Amino acid sequence: MATIRHWGAIIAPLVLTACAVSDDPRAGGIIGGISGISSGAYDRRVQDRQDAATSLQAENDALEHRVKEVQARREAASKERESTARQLAALQGDLTSLKKKLADAKQGKLASSATLDKLRNELATLEFENREVGARSATEGEAATSQRVRELDTKKRQLESTLEEAMMLSTGTKR
């Protein structure tokens, strides 16, 4: 009977330890380790970790792709802003040149005074609109600003054409 007690004293802690088996290899002890390996719990734990890592990597790849897209859009917008700024500067230069032509036409009496006054008023309006577009370009969208610059350029060309026609009519020159 004493032998059964000794065996009972040895088997009871083993049985109780087997009841407290953990899937965590750091907390399971030798019995937990044997149980984890034989039941496949450790393999499932490793697979779960690998699946989580794969999922996080896929999410990271998607975020990196999105960052590249945003950077590409930012660069395109920057280039468009620079192009619009160049167009505005060129338009301002053209308006300054046109202003000088108007002054020369008035001084040389190359067109009627009323016509030149009308053209000078139109030019002043065009210059104001050009400055306004330049000031608003930071707050308006690039597409709207670019469209507005094209409209101003069209008006400028019409104004140049009208001045040339007035000067030709005054001097009797035909186109």
Protein backbone atom coordinates (compact mmCIF):
# COMPACT_ATOMS: atom_id res chain seq x y z
CA MET A 1 0.00 0.00 0.00
CA ALA A 2 2.88 2.25 0.67
CA THR A 3 3.95 1.79 -2.90
CA ILE A 4 0.58 2.94 -4.17
CA ARG A 5 0.89 6.07 -2.04
CA HIS A 6 4.31 6.76 -3.51
CA TRP A 7 3.02 6.24 -7.01
CA GLY A 8 -0.02 8.37 -6.17
CA ALA A 9 2.26 11.14 -4.92
CA ILE A 10 4.17 11.03 -8.20
CA ILE A 11 1.20 10.64 -10.57
CA ALA A 12 -1.09 13.26 -8.93
CA PRO A 13 1.20 16.25 -9.70
CA LEU A 14 1.69 14.99 -13.25
CA VAL A 15 -2.05 14.72 -13.78
CA LEU A 16 -2.62 18.16 -12.28
CA THR A 17 0.19 19.60 -14.40
CA ALA A 18 -1.36 18.09 -17.51
CA CYS A 19 -4.58 19.93 -16.67
CA ALA A 20 -2.71 23.23 -16.63
CA VAL A 21 -1.24 22.84 -20.12
CA SER A 22 -0.79 26.09 -22.07
CA ASP A 23 -0.39 26.75 -25.80
CA ASP A 24 2.39 29.17 -24.94
CA PRO A 25 5.69 27.30 -25.11
CA ARG A 26 7.19 29.68 -22.56
CA ALA A 27 4.60 28.83 -19.92
CA GLY A 28 3.80 25.16 -20.45
CA GLY A 29 6.75 23.39 -18.92
CA ILE A 30 7.89 20.01 -20.13
CA ILE A 31 4.43 18.46 -19.99
CA GLY A 32 2.96 21.51 -21.75
CA GLY A 33 5.70 21.28 -24.37
CA ILE A 34 4.99 17.63 -25.05
CA SER A 35 1.27 18.36 -25.14
CA GLY A 36 1.74 21.37 -27.46
CA ILE A 37 3.86 19.41 -29.89
CA SER A 38 1.63 16.33 -29.90
CA SER A 39 -1.64 18.29 -30.23
CA GLY A 40 -0.32 20.61 -32.95
CA ALA A 41 -1.01 23.71 -30.81
CA TYR A 42 2.49 25.03 -31.37
CA ASP A 43 2.21 24.58 -35.11
CA ARG A 44 -1.14 26.43 -35.10
CA ARG A 45 0.43 29.20 -33.04
CA VAL A 46 3.32 29.51 -35.52
CA GLN A 47 0.89 29.48 -38.46
CA ASP A 48 -1.28 32.17 -36.81
CA ARG A 49 1.80 34.36 -36.37
CA GLN A 50 2.86 33.81 -39.97
CA ASP A 51 -0.65 34.63 -41.21
CA ALA A 52 -0.66 37.84 -39.15
CA ALA A 53 2.77 38.80 -40.53
CA THR A 54 1.60 38.13 -44.10
CA SER A 55 -1.51 40.23 -43.55
CA LEU A 56 0.52 43.10 -42.10
CA GLN A 57 2.96 42.92 -45.01
CA ALA A 58 0.09 43.09 -47.52
CA GLU A 59 -1.35 46.10 -45.68
CA ASN A 60 2.08 47.76 -45.66
CA ASP A 61 2.47 47.14 -49.40
CA ALA A 62 -0.95 48.71 -50.07
CA LEU A 63 -0.03 51.76 -47.99
CA GLU A 64 3.28 52.15 -49.80
CA HIS A 65 1.44 51.99 -53.13
CA ARG A 66 -0.97 54.68 -51.94
CA VAL A 67 1.91 56.90 -50.80
CA LYS A 68 3.47 56.60 -54.27
CA GLU A 69 0.16 57.54 -55.91
CA VAL A 70 -0.21 60.60 -53.67
CA GLN A 71 3.38 61.66 -54.37
CA ALA A 72 2.81 61.31 -58.11
CA ARG A 73 -0.36 63.45 -57.90
CA ARG A 74 1.48 66.02 -55.80
CA GLU A 75 4.31 66.21 -58.35
CA ALA A 76 1.84 66.57 -61.22
CA ALA A 77 0.01 69.36 -59.39
CA SER A 78 3.30 71.10 -58.67
CA LYS A 79 4.29 70.94 -62.34
CA GLU A 80 0.89 72.26 -63.37
CA ARG A 81 1.21 75.14 -60.86
CA GLU A 82 4.64 76.00 -62.25
CA SER A 83 3.28 75.90 -65.80
CA THR A 84 0.36 78.15 -64.86
CA ALA A 85 2.73 80.58 -63.12
CA ARG A 86 4.87 80.71 -66.29
CA GLN A 87 1.76 81.32 -68.40
CA LEU A 88 0.66 84.12 -66.08
CA ALA A 89 4.11 85.73 -66.22
CA ALA A 90 4.17 85.47 -70.03
CA LEU A 91 0.68 86.96 -70.22
CA GLN A 92 1.75 89.84 -67.99
CA GLY A 93 4.73 90.46 -70.29
CA ASP A 94 2.43 90.44 -73.32
CA LEU A 95 0.06 92.88 -71.62
CA THR A 96 2.96 95.21 -70.83
CA SER A 97 4.05 95.05 -74.48
CA LEU A 98 0.49 95.72 -75.62
CA LYS A 99 0.29 98.68 -73.26
CA LYS A 100 3.40 100.13 -74.90
CA LYS A 101 1.91 99.58 -78.38
CA LEU A 102 -1.20 101.46 -77.29
CA ALA A 103 0.89 104.35 -75.98
CA ASP A 104 2.91 104.43 -79.22
CA ALA A 105 -0.29 104.33 -81.29
CA LYS A 106 -1.75 107.24 -79.35
CA GLN A 107 1.47 109.25 -79.56
CA GLY A 108 1.82 108.60 -83.29
CA LYS A 109 -1.90 109.16 -83.83
CA LEU A 110 -2.08 105.79 -85.51
CA ALA A 111 -5.71 105.26 -84.51
CA SER A 112 -8.64 107.35 -83.34
CA SER A 113 -8.50 108.60 -79.79
CA ALA A 114 -11.87 107.06 -78.93
CA THR A 115 -10.76 103.66 -80.19
CA LEU A 116 -7.49 103.87 -78.28
CA ASP A 117 -9.31 104.92 -75.09
CA LYS A 118 -11.64 101.94 -75.45
CA LEU A 119 -8.69 99.59 -76.01
CA ARG A 120 -6.81 101.09 -73.06
CA ASN A 121 -9.85 100.44 -70.81
CA GLU A 122 -10.10 96.87 -72.06
CA LEU A 123 -6.38 96.42 -71.43
CA ALA A 124 -6.72 97.79 -67.88
CA THR A 125 -9.54 95.32 -67.25
CA LEU A 126 -7.45 92.51 -68.66
CA GLU A 127 -4.47 93.47 -66.47
CA PHE A 128 -6.73 93.54 -63.41
CA GLU A 129 -8.14 90.10 -64.26
CA ASN A 130 -4.62 88.77 -64.77
CA ARG A 131 -3.51 90.00 -61.33
CA GLU A 132 -6.70 88.57 -59.82
CA VAL A 133 -6.08 85.14 -61.37
CA GLY A 134 -2.51 85.24 -60.06
CA ALA A 135 -3.72 86.08 -56.58
CA ARG A 136 -6.41 83.40 -56.63
CA SER A 137 -4.25 80.66 -58.11
CA ALA A 138 -3.26 79.45 -54.64
CA THR A 139 -6.87 79.00 -53.53
CA GLU A 140 -8.53 77.88 -56.77
CA GLY A 141 -7.93 74.51 -58.33
CA GLU A 142 -5.22 74.26 -60.95
CA ALA A 143 -7.69 73.31 -63.66
CA ALA A 144 -9.80 76.42 -63.01
CA THR A 145 -6.74 78.67 -62.92
CA SER A 146 -5.35 77.17 -66.12
CA GLN A 147 -8.72 77.62 -67.84
CA ARG A 148 -8.89 81.24 -66.70
CA VAL A 149 -5.36 81.91 -68.04
CA ARG A 150 -6.41 80.50 -71.43
CA GLU A 151 -9.46 82.78 -71.44
CA LEU A 152 -7.31 85.82 -70.62
CA ASP A 153 -4.86 84.89 -73.37
CA THR A 154 -7.74 84.72 -75.85
CA LYS A 155 -8.94 88.16 -74.76
CA LYS A 156 -5.40 89.51 -75.10
CA ARG A 157 -5.13 88.18 -78.67
CA GLN A 158 -8.49 89.76 -79.53
CA LEU A 159 -7.29 93.06 -78.09
CA GLU A 160 -4.06 92.88 -80.13
CA SER A 161 -6.04 92.11 -83.26
CA THR A 162 -8.41 95.03 -82.63
CA LEU A 163 -5.46 97.40 -82.13
CA GLU A 164 -3.83 96.23 -85.34
CA GLU A 165 -7.07 96.70 -87.25
CA ALA A 166 -7.56 100.18 -85.79
CA MET A 167 -4.02 101.15 -86.72
CA MET A 168 -4.46 99.81 -90.26
CA LEU A 169 -7.75 101.64 -90.73
CA SER A 170 -6.19 104.86 -89.54
CA THR A 171 -3.23 104.58 -91.88
CA GLY A 172 -5.27 103.15 -94.76
CA THR A 173 -3.25 99.95 -94.82
CA LYS A 174 -5.08 96.75 -95.63
CA ARG A 175 -4.30 93.41 -94.07
